[in-house]
Amino acid sequence: MAGSDRLPDVDQVFIQPFLTKVTKTLWTYALNTESTYNWEASEWSVPINLTAAKLIKFGRLPVQIAGGVRYWADAPEDQGPENFGLRLNVTFLFPK
């Protein structure tokens, strides 16, 4: 990739496929990956995320609260993360 001669080359791909199901009771279930491939090192980082989220209201403000688990299917050996992780999100929504 073009850039400064003073910086190392960046040669990576980011892929984020996902499947999502939203229910009538405002639950959202999702399965996705946020994978990267480093062409210079020929290494994949492949976390697989499974999450559940619920849309609720605080007064009149809609808020989505989500949690899930992450499994690392592949990661660089010398710098990869642990095999499992947790994810918690709170998203405040401001409709017009």
PDB file of N, CA and C in Angstrom:
ATOM      1  N   MET A   1       0.848  -1.175   0.000  1.00  0.00           N
ATOM      2  CA  MET A   1       0.000   0.000   0.000  1.00  0.00           C
ATOM      3  C   MET A   1       0.891   1.234   0.000  1.00  0.00           C
ATOM      4  N   ALA A   2       0.519   2.231  -0.711  1.00  0.00           N
ATOM      5  CA  ALA A   2       1.327   3.444  -0.824  1.00  0.00           C
ATOM      6  C   ALA A   2       1.320   4.210   0.487  1.00  0.00           C
ATOM      7  N   GLY A   3       2.411   4.885   0.753  1.00  0.00           N
ATOM      8  CA  GLY A   3       2.513   5.674   1.967  1.00  0.00           C
ATOM      9  C   GLY A   3       3.898   6.244   2.118  1.00  0.00           C
ATOM     10  N   SER A   4       4.238   6.593   3.320  1.00  0.00           N
ATOM     11  CA  SER A   4       5.525   7.188   3.627  1.00  0.00           C
ATOM     12  C   SER A   4       6.627   6.129   3.595  1.00  0.00           C
ATOM     13  N   ASP A   5       7.799   6.516   3.086  1.00  0.00           N
ATOM     14  CA  ASP A   5       8.946   5.605   3.083  1.00  0.00           C
ATOM     15  C   ASP A   5       9.481   5.369   4.486  1.00  0.00           C
ATOM     16  N   ARG A   6       9.121   6.230   5.429  1.00  0.00           N
ATOM     17  CA  ARG A   6       9.605   6.105   6.811  1.00  0.00           C
ATOM     18  C   ARG A   6       8.786   5.100   7.624  1.00  0.00           C
ATOM     19  N   LEU A   7       7.626   4.722   7.143  1.00  0.00           N
ATOM     20  CA  LEU A   7       6.747   3.811   7.875  1.00  0.00           C
ATOM     21  C   LEU A   7       6.759   2.437   7.229  1.00  0.00           C
ATOM     22  N   PRO A   8       6.529   1.381   8.020  1.00  0.00           N
ATOM     23  CA  PRO A   8       6.468   0.037   7.435  1.00  0.00           C
ATOM     24  C   PRO A   8       5.244  -0.109   6.526  1.00  0.00           C
ATOM     25  N   ASP A   9       5.334  -1.016   5.562  1.00  0.00           N
ATOM     26  CA  ASP A   9       4.213  -1.283   4.665  1.00  0.00           C
ATOM     27  C   ASP A   9       3.035  -1.847   5.444  1.00  0.00           C
ATOM     28  N   VAL A  10       1.844  -1.473   5.019  1.00  0.00           N
ATOM     29  CA  VAL A  10       0.610  -2.024   5.581  1.00  0.00           C
ATOM     30  C   VAL A  10      -0.035  -2.835   4.471  1.00  0.00           C
ATOM     31  N   ASP A  11      -0.255  -4.089   4.740  1.00  0.00           N
ATOM     32  CA  ASP A  11      -0.773  -4.982   3.717  1.00  0.00           C
ATOM     33  C   ASP A  11      -1.740  -5.957   4.380  1.00  0.00           C
ATOM     34  N   GLN A  12      -2.949  -5.448   4.745  1.00  0.00           N
ATOM     35  CA  GLN A  12      -3.910  -6.268   5.473  1.00  0.00           C
ATOM     36  C   GLN A  12      -5.286  -6.171   4.838  1.00  0.00           C
ATOM     37  N   VAL A  13      -6.088  -7.202   5.092  1.00  0.00           N
ATOM     38  CA  VAL A  13      -7.479  -7.260   4.645  1.00  0.00           C
ATOM     39  C   VAL A  13      -8.352  -7.416   5.884  1.00  0.00           C
ATOM     40  N   PHE A  14      -9.483  -6.723   5.914  1.00  0.00           N
ATOM     41  CA  PHE A  14     -10.453  -6.832   7.003  1.00  0.00           C
ATOM     42  C   PHE A  14     -11.759  -7.374   6.419  1.00  0.00           C
ATOM     43  N   ILE A  15     -12.300  -8.436   7.019  1.00  0.00           N
ATOM     44  CA  ILE A  15     -13.527  -9.073   6.551  1.00  0.00           C
ATOM     45  C   ILE A  15     -14.483  -9.180   7.737  1.00  0.00           C
ATOM     46  N   GLN A  16     -15.756  -8.756   7.536  1.00  0.00           N
ATOM     47  CA  GLN A  16     -16.723  -8.796   8.631  1.00  0.00           C
ATOM     48  C   GLN A  16     -18.085  -9.323   8.168  1.00  0.00           C
ATOM     49  N   PRO A  17     -18.182 -10.619   7.844  1.00  0.00           N
ATOM     50  CA  PRO A  17     -19.498 -11.167   7.527  1.00  0.00           C
ATOM     51  C   PRO A  17     -20.319 -11.364   8.807  1.00  0.00           C
ATOM     52  N   PHE A  18     -21.652 -11.302   8.676  1.00  0.00           N
ATOM     53  CA  PHE A  18     -22.494 -11.460   9.860  1.00  0.00           C
ATOM     54  C   PHE A  18     -23.855 -12.032   9.501  1.00  0.00           C
ATOM     55  N   LEU A  19     -24.468 -12.671  10.486  1.00  0.00           N
ATOM     56  CA  LEU A  19     -25.858 -13.116  10.434  1.00  0.00           C
ATOM     57  C   LEU A  19     -26.559 -12.520  11.649  1.00  0.00           C
ATOM     58  N   THR A  20     -27.738 -11.943  11.432  1.00  0.00           N
ATOM     59  CA  THR A  20     -28.461 -11.312  12.520  1.00  0.00           C
ATOM     60  C   THR A  20     -29.940 -11.669  12.437  1.00  0.00           C
ATOM     61  N   LYS A  21     -30.549 -11.929  13.589  1.00  0.00           N
ATOM     62  CA  LYS A  21     -31.979 -12.203  13.684  1.00  0.00           C
ATOM     63  C   LYS A  21     -32.573 -11.276  14.739  1.00  0.00           C
ATOM     64  N   VAL A  22     -33.599 -10.506  14.349  1.00  0.00           N
ATOM     65  CA  VAL A  22     -34.301  -9.625  15.277  1.00  0.00           C
ATOM     66  C   VAL A  22     -35.688 -10.204  15.505  1.00  0.00           C
ATOM     67  N   THR A  23     -36.080 -10.313  16.783  1.00  0.00           N
ATOM     68  CA  THR A  23     -37.385 -10.880  17.116  1.00  0.00           C
ATOM     69  C   THR A  23     -38.424  -9.777  17.319  1.00  0.00           C
ATOM     70  N   LYS A  24     -39.682 -10.174  17.386  1.00  0.00           N
ATOM     71  CA  LYS A  24     -40.770  -9.214  17.622  1.00  0.00           C
ATOM     72  C   LYS A  24     -40.694  -8.601  19.016  1.00  0.00           C
ATOM     73  N   THR A  25     -40.016  -9.279  19.945  1.00  0.00           N
ATOM     74  CA  THR A  25     -39.878  -8.766  21.311  1.00  0.00           C
ATOM     75  C   THR A  25     -38.623  -7.909  21.469  1.00  0.00           C
ATOM     76  N   LEU A  26     -38.020  -7.504  20.352  1.00  0.00           N
ATOM     77  CA  LEU A  26     -36.871  -6.595  20.292  1.00  0.00           C
ATOM     78  C   LEU A  26     -35.563  -7.192  20.814  1.00  0.00           C
ATOM     79  N   TRP A  27     -35.444  -8.498  20.747  1.00  0.00           N
ATOM     80  CA  TRP A  27     -34.164  -9.153  20.986  1.00  0.00           C
ATOM     81  C   TRP A  27     -33.445  -9.282  19.650  1.00  0.00           C
ATOM     82  N   THR A  28     -32.132  -9.126  19.657  1.00  0.00           N
ATOM     83  CA  THR A  28     -31.314  -9.314  18.461  1.00  0.00           C
ATOM     84  C   THR A  28     -30.251 -10.354  18.768  1.00  0.00           C
ATOM     85  N   TYR A  29     -30.141 -11.354  17.904  1.00  0.00           N
ATOM     86  CA  TYR A  29     -29.115 -12.388  18.036  1.00  0.00           C
ATOM     87  C   TYR A  29     -28.195 -12.280  16.823  1.00  0.00           C
ATOM     88  N   ALA A  30     -26.898 -12.320  17.055  1.00  0.00           N
ATOM     89  CA  ALA A  30     -25.960 -12.123  15.954  1.00  0.00           C
ATOM     90  C   ALA A  30     -24.773 -13.073  16.059  1.00  0.00           C
ATOM     91  N   LEU A  31     -24.286 -13.473  14.907  1.00  0.00           N
ATOM     92  CA  LEU A  31     -23.072 -14.268  14.773  1.00  0.00           C
ATOM     93  C   LEU A  31     -22.221 -13.566  13.727  1.00  0.00           C
ATOM     94  N   ASN A  32     -20.982 -13.212  14.082  1.00  0.00           N
ATOM     95  CA  ASN A  32     -20.126 -12.532  13.122  1.00  0.00           C
ATOM     96  C   ASN A  32     -18.661 -12.830  13.395  1.00  0.00           C
ATOM     97  N   THR A  33     -17.840 -12.418  12.454  1.00  0.00           N
ATOM     98  CA  THR A  33     -16.399 -12.460  12.630  1.00  0.00           C
ATOM     99  C   THR A  33     -15.834 -11.117  12.195  1.00  0.00           C
ATOM    100  N   GLU A  34     -14.739 -10.715  12.790  1.00  0.00           N
ATOM    101  CA  GLU A  34     -14.033  -9.474  12.445  1.00  0.00           C
ATOM    102  C   GLU A  34     -12.610  -9.871  12.084  1.00  0.00           C
ATOM    103  N   SER A  35     -12.471 -10.596  10.994  1.00  0.00           N
ATOM    104  CA  SER A  35     -11.202 -11.227  10.635  1.00  0.00           C
ATOM    105  C   SER A  35     -10.264 -10.284   9.893  1.00  0.00           C
ATOM    106  N   THR A  36      -8.986 -10.449  10.158  1.00  0.00           N
ATOM    107  CA  THR A  36      -7.954  -9.722   9.410  1.00  0.00           C
ATOM    108  C   THR A  36      -6.926 -10.724   8.904  1.00  0.00           C
ATOM    109  N   TYR A  37      -6.361 -10.394   7.756  1.00  0.00           N
ATOM    110  CA  TYR A  37      -5.279 -11.208   7.198  1.00  0.00           C
ATOM    111  C   TYR A  37      -4.113 -10.287   6.893  1.00  0.00           C
ATOM    112  N   ASN A  38      -2.935 -10.625   7.412  1.00  0.00           N
ATOM    113  CA  ASN A  38      -1.714  -9.864   7.183  1.00  0.00           C
ATOM    114  C   ASN A  38      -0.949 -10.540   6.053  1.00  0.00           C
ATOM    115  N   TRP A  39      -0.906  -9.909   4.898  1.00  0.00           N
ATOM    116  CA  TRP A  39      -0.249 -10.487   3.723  1.00  0.00           C
ATOM    117  C   TRP A  39       1.261 -10.559   3.900  1.00  0.00           C
ATOM    118  N   GLU A  40       1.845  -9.617   4.625  1.00  0.00           N
ATOM    119  CA  GLU A  40       3.305  -9.616   4.845  1.00  0.00           C
ATOM    120  C   GLU A  40       3.730 -10.820   5.679  1.00  0.00           C
ATOM    121  N   ALA A  41       2.964 -11.114   6.745  1.00  0.00           N
ATOM    122  CA  ALA A  41       3.311 -12.206   7.663  1.00  0.00           C
ATOM    123  C   ALA A  41       2.569 -13.501   7.346  1.00  0.00           C
ATOM    124  N   SER A  42       1.627 -13.465   6.408  1.00  0.00           N
ATOM    125  CA  SER A  42       0.781 -14.626   6.078  1.00  0.00           C
ATOM    126  C   SER A  42       0.090 -15.177   7.328  1.00  0.00           C
ATOM    127  N   GLU A  43      -0.573 -14.277   8.084  1.00  0.00           N
ATOM    128  CA  GLU A  43      -1.223 -14.663   9.343  1.00  0.00           C
ATOM    129  C   GLU A  43      -2.665 -14.168   9.382  1.00  0.00           C
ATOM    130  N   TRP A  44      -3.545 -15.023   9.877  1.00  0.00           N
ATOM    131  CA  TRP A  44      -4.938 -14.677  10.109  1.00  0.00           C
ATOM    132  C   TRP A  44      -5.172 -14.346  11.578  1.00  0.00           C
ATOM    133  N   SER A  45      -6.110 -13.437  11.836  1.00  0.00           N
ATOM    134  CA  SER A  45      -6.719 -13.236  13.151  1.00  0.00           C
ATOM    135  C   SER A  45      -8.213 -13.407  12.922  1.00  0.00           C
ATOM    136  N   VAL A  46      -8.807 -14.437  13.562  1.00  0.00           N
ATOM    137  CA  VAL A  46     -10.202 -14.780  13.283  1.00  0.00           C
ATOM    138  C   VAL A  46     -10.982 -14.935  14.592  1.00  0.00           C
ATOM    139  N   PRO A  47     -11.534 -13.829  15.124  1.00  0.00           N
ATOM    140  CA  PRO A  47     -12.438 -13.969  16.262  1.00  0.00           C
ATOM    141  C   PRO A  47     -13.850 -14.259  15.763  1.00  0.00           C
ATOM    142  N   ILE A  48     -14.554 -15.143  16.449  1.00  0.00           N
ATOM    143  CA  ILE A  48     -15.952 -15.442  16.127  1.00  0.00           C
ATOM    144  C   ILE A  48     -16.788 -14.971  17.314  1.00  0.00           C
ATOM    145  N   ASN A  49     -17.744 -14.090  17.040  1.00  0.00           N
ATOM    146  CA  ASN A  49     -18.555 -13.462  18.084  1.00  0.00           C
ATOM    147  C   ASN A  49     -19.994 -13.951  18.016  1.00  0.00           C
ATOM    148  N   LEU A  50     -20.558 -14.292  19.172  1.00  0.00           N
ATOM    149  CA  LEU A  50     -21.965 -14.639  19.312  1.00  0.00           C
ATOM    150  C   LEU A  50     -22.544 -13.689  20.351  1.00  0.00           C
ATOM    151  N   THR A  51     -23.532 -12.873  19.942  1.00  0.00           N
ATOM    152  CA  THR A  51     -24.065 -11.857  20.848  1.00  0.00           C
ATOM    153  C   THR A  51     -25.585 -11.893  20.901  1.00  0.00           C
ATOM    154  N   ALA A  52     -26.110 -11.381  21.993  1.00  0.00           N
ATOM    155  CA  ALA A  52     -27.547 -11.172  22.173  1.00  0.00           C
ATOM    156  C   ALA A  52     -27.727  -9.751  22.687  1.00  0.00           C
ATOM    157  N   ALA A  53     -28.725  -9.055  22.153  1.00  0.00           N
ATOM    158  CA  ALA A  53     -28.966  -7.668  22.543  1.00  0.00           C
ATOM    159  C   ALA A  53     -30.460  -7.455  22.745  1.00  0.00           C
ATOM    160  N   LYS A  54     -30.791  -6.527  23.635  1.00  0.00           N
ATOM    161  CA  LYS A  54     -32.186  -6.199  23.927  1.00  0.00           C
ATOM    162  C   LYS A  54     -32.355  -4.695  23.868  1.00  0.00           C
ATOM    163  N   LEU A  55     -33.387  -4.251  23.162  1.00  0.00           N
ATOM    164  CA  LEU A  55     -33.713  -2.838  23.105  1.00  0.00           C
ATOM    165  C   LEU A  55     -34.682  -2.521  24.239  1.00  0.00           C
ATOM    166  N   ILE A  56     -34.285  -1.572  25.088  1.00  0.00           N
ATOM    167  CA  ILE A  56     -35.119  -1.168  26.225  1.00  0.00           C
ATOM    168  C   ILE A  56     -35.227   0.352  26.226  1.00  0.00           C
ATOM    169  N   LYS A  57     -36.013   0.896  27.140  1.00  0.00           N
ATOM    170  CA  LYS A  57     -36.127   2.352  27.259  1.00  0.00           C
ATOM    171  C   LYS A  57     -35.832   2.781  28.688  1.00  0.00           C
ATOM    172  N   PHE A  58     -35.047   3.847  28.802  1.00  0.00           N
ATOM    173  CA  PHE A  58     -34.852   4.560  30.063  1.00  0.00           C
ATOM    174  C   PHE A  58     -35.657   5.838  29.931  1.00  0.00           C
ATOM    175  N   GLY A  59     -36.834   5.847  30.525  1.00  0.00           N
ATOM    176  CA  GLY A  59     -37.734   6.977  30.295  1.00  0.00           C
ATOM    177  C   GLY A  59     -38.157   6.955  28.836  1.00  0.00           C
ATOM    178  N   ARG A  60     -37.814   8.006  28.093  1.00  0.00           N
ATOM    179  CA  ARG A  60     -38.137   8.064  26.667  1.00  0.00           C
ATOM    180  C   ARG A  60     -36.939   7.718  25.785  1.00  0.00           C
ATOM    181  N   LEU A  61     -35.773   7.496  26.391  1.00  0.00           N
ATOM    182  CA  LEU A  61     -34.547   7.236  25.638  1.00  0.00           C
ATOM    183  C   LEU A  61     -34.377   5.745  25.357  1.00  0.00           C
ATOM    184  N   PRO A  62     -34.384   5.329  24.076  1.00  0.00           N
ATOM    185  CA  PRO A  62     -34.121   3.930  23.766  1.00  0.00           C
ATOM    186  C   PRO A  62     -32.639   3.601  23.922  1.00  0.00           C
ATOM    187  N   VAL A  63     -32.374   2.444  24.507  1.00  0.00           N
ATOM    188  CA  VAL A  63     -30.998   1.991  24.754  1.00  0.00           C
ATOM    189  C   VAL A  63     -30.920   0.512  24.385  1.00  0.00           C
ATOM    190  N   GLN A  64     -29.840   0.146  23.722  1.00  0.00           N
ATOM    191  CA  GLN A  64     -29.617  -1.263  23.421  1.00  0.00           C
ATOM    192  C   GLN A  64     -28.505  -1.774  24.329  1.00  0.00           C
ATOM    193  N   ILE A  65     -28.784  -2.855  25.046  1.00  0.00           N
ATOM    194  CA  ILE A  65     -27.804  -3.498  25.912  1.00  0.00           C
ATOM    195  C   ILE A  65     -27.481  -4.854  25.305  1.00  0.00           C
ATOM    196  N   ALA A  66     -26.194  -5.130  25.141  1.00  0.00           N
ATOM    197  CA  ALA A  66     -25.777  -6.365  24.475  1.00  0.00           C
ATOM    198  C   ALA A  66     -24.644  -7.030  25.233  1.00  0.00           C
ATOM    199  N   GLY A  67     -24.567  -8.328  25.080  1.00  0.00           N
ATOM    200  CA  GLY A  67     -23.471  -9.106  25.653  1.00  0.00           C
ATOM    201  C   GLY A  67     -23.210 -10.311  24.781  1.00  0.00           C
ATOM    202  N   GLY A  68     -22.005 -10.820  24.883  1.00  0.00           N
ATOM    203  CA  GLY A  68     -21.705 -11.986  24.078  1.00  0.00           C
ATOM    204  C   GLY A  68     -20.368 -12.605  24.422  1.00  0.00           C
ATOM    205  N   VAL A  69     -20.070 -13.650  23.689  1.00  0.00           N
ATOM    206  CA  VAL A  69     -18.806 -14.360  23.865  1.00  0.00           C
ATOM    207  C   VAL A  69     -18.022 -14.293  22.560  1.00  0.00           C
ATOM    208  N   ARG A  70     -16.709 -14.369  22.696  1.00  0.00           N
ATOM    209  CA  ARG A  70     -15.810 -14.352  21.546  1.00  0.00           C
ATOM    210  C   ARG A  70     -14.878 -15.548  21.653  1.00  0.00           C
ATOM    211  N   TYR A  71     -14.756 -16.272  20.545  1.00  0.00           N
ATOM    212  CA  TYR A  71     -13.824 -17.389  20.446  1.00  0.00           C
ATOM    213  C   TYR A  71     -12.825 -17.077  19.341  1.00  0.00           C
ATOM    214  N   TRP A  72     -11.545 -17.220  19.637  1.00  0.00           N
ATOM    215  CA  TRP A  72     -10.514 -16.975  18.634  1.00  0.00           C
ATOM    216  C   TRP A  72     -10.237 -18.275  17.901  1.00  0.00           C
ATOM    217  N   ALA A  73     -10.723 -18.380  16.663  1.00  0.00           N
ATOM    218  CA  ALA A  73     -10.506 -19.568  15.842  1.00  0.00           C
ATOM    219  C   ALA A  73      -9.068 -19.625  15.340  1.00  0.00           C
ATOM    220  N   ASP A  74      -8.450 -18.446  15.138  1.00  0.00           N
ATOM    221  CA  ASP A  74      -7.064 -18.385  14.686  1.00  0.00           C
ATOM    222  C   ASP A  74      -6.491 -17.029  15.056  1.00  0.00           C
ATOM    223  N   ALA A  75      -5.215 -17.010  15.429  1.00  0.00           N
ATOM    224  CA  ALA A  75      -4.517 -15.773  15.765  1.00  0.00           C
ATOM    225  C   ALA A  75      -3.022 -16.039  15.665  1.00  0.00           C
ATOM    226  N   PRO A  76      -2.224 -14.984  15.430  1.00  0.00           N
ATOM    227  CA  PRO A  76      -0.777 -15.182  15.401  1.00  0.00           C
ATOM    228  C   PRO A  76      -0.287 -15.807  16.702  1.00  0.00           C
ATOM    229  N   GLU A  77       0.582 -16.795  16.580  1.00  0.00           N
ATOM    230  CA  GLU A  77       1.010 -17.592  17.729  1.00  0.00           C
ATOM    231  C   GLU A  77       1.723 -16.776  18.808  1.00  0.00           C
ATOM    232  N   ASP A  78       2.627 -15.908  18.417  1.00  0.00           N
ATOM    233  CA  ASP A  78       3.436 -15.172  19.391  1.00  0.00           C
ATOM    234  C   ASP A  78       2.755 -13.940  19.956  1.00  0.00           C
ATOM    235  N   GLN A  79       1.646 -13.492  19.367  1.00  0.00           N
ATOM    236  CA  GLN A  79       0.995 -12.279  19.855  1.00  0.00           C
ATOM    237  C   GLN A  79      -0.526 -12.390  19.910  1.00  0.00           C
ATOM    238  N   GLY A  80      -1.033 -13.604  19.779  1.00  0.00           N
ATOM    239  CA  GLY A  80      -2.479 -13.789  19.759  1.00  0.00           C
ATOM    240  C   GLY A  80      -3.109 -13.660  21.128  1.00  0.00           C
ATOM    241  N   PRO A  81      -4.406 -13.356  21.162  1.00  0.00           N
ATOM    242  CA  PRO A  81      -5.140 -13.243  22.427  1.00  0.00           C
ATOM    243  C   PRO A  81      -5.472 -14.612  22.986  1.00  0.00           C
ATOM    244  N   GLU A  82      -6.108 -14.604  24.147  1.00  0.00           N
ATOM    245  CA  GLU A  82      -6.588 -15.840  24.755  1.00  0.00           C
ATOM    246  C   GLU A  82      -7.658 -16.464  23.858  1.00  0.00           C
ATOM    247  N   ASN A  83      -8.012 -17.703  24.117  1.00  0.00           N
ATOM    248  CA  ASN A  83      -8.987 -18.407  23.275  1.00  0.00           C
ATOM    249  C   ASN A  83     -10.400 -17.847  23.373  1.00  0.00           C
ATOM    250  N   PHE A  84     -10.804 -17.349  24.549  1.00  0.00           N
ATOM    251  CA  PHE A  84     -12.164 -16.874  24.740  1.00  0.00           C
ATOM    252  C   PHE A  84     -12.160 -15.468  25.317  1.00  0.00           C
ATOM    253  N   GLY A  85     -13.230 -14.743  25.057  1.00  0.00           N
ATOM    254  CA  GLY A  85     -13.382 -13.409  25.606  1.00  0.00           C
ATOM    255  C   GLY A  85     -14.852 -13.074  25.770  1.00  0.00           C
ATOM    256  N   LEU A  86     -15.117 -11.993  26.455  1.00  0.00           N
ATOM    257  CA  LEU A  86     -16.473 -11.498  26.669  1.00  0.00           C
ATOM    258  C   LEU A  86     -16.608 -10.120  26.058  1.00  0.00           C
ATOM    259  N   ARG A  87     -17.824  -9.791  25.673  1.00  0.00           N
ATOM    260  CA  ARG A  87     -18.094  -8.486  25.080  1.00  0.00           C
ATOM    261  C   ARG A  87     -19.380  -7.947  25.692  1.00  0.00           C
ATOM    262  N   LEU A  88     -19.333  -6.720  26.178  1.00  0.00           N
ATOM    263  CA  LEU A  88     -20.512  -6.027  26.709  1.00  0.00           C
ATOM    264  C   LEU A  88     -20.615  -4.670  26.032  1.00  0.00           C
ATOM    265  N   ASN A  89     -21.827  -4.308  25.584  1.00  0.00           N
ATOM    266  CA  ASN A  89     -22.040  -3.031  24.903  1.00  0.00           C
ATOM    267  C   ASN A  89     -23.292  -2.369  25.443  1.00  0.00           C
ATOM    268  N   VAL A  90     -23.247  -1.051  25.498  1.00  0.00           N
ATOM    269  CA  VAL A  90     -24.426  -0.243  25.769  1.00  0.00           C
ATOM    270  C   VAL A  90     -24.452   0.830  24.687  1.00  0.00           C
ATOM    271  N   THR A  91     -25.552   0.894  23.927  1.00  0.00           N
ATOM    272  CA  THR A  91     -25.680   1.862  22.833  1.00  0.00           C
ATOM    273  C   THR A  91     -26.871   2.752  23.099  1.00  0.00           C
ATOM    274  N   PHE A  92     -26.623   4.042  23.234  1.00  0.00           N
ATOM    275  CA  PHE A  92     -27.687   5.018  23.431  1.00  0.00           C
ATOM    276  C   PHE A  92     -28.172   5.473  22.051  1.00  0.00           C
ATOM    277  N   LEU A  93     -29.484   5.445  21.846  1.00  0.00           N
ATOM    278  CA  LEU A  93     -30.073   5.808  20.555  1.00  0.00           C
ATOM    279  C   LEU A  93     -30.797   7.138  20.680  1.00  0.00           C
ATOM    280  N   PHE A  94     -30.567   8.030  19.737  1.00  0.00           N
ATOM    281  CA  PHE A  94     -31.164   9.358  19.757  1.00  0.00           C
ATOM    282  C   PHE A  94     -31.991   9.563  18.493  1.00  0.00           C
ATOM    283  N   PRO A  95     -33.215   9.031  18.450  1.00  0.00           N
ATOM    284  CA  PRO A  95     -34.042   9.201  17.254  1.00  0.00           C
ATOM    285  C   PRO A  95     -34.484  10.642  17.090  1.00  0.00           C
ATOM    286  N   LYS A  96     -34.764  11.023  15.857  1.00  0.00           N
ATOM    287  CA  LYS A  96     -35.240  12.386  15.592  1.00  0.00           C
ATOM    288  C   LYS A  96     -36.693  12.518  15.939  1.00  0.00           C
TER     289      LYS A  96
END
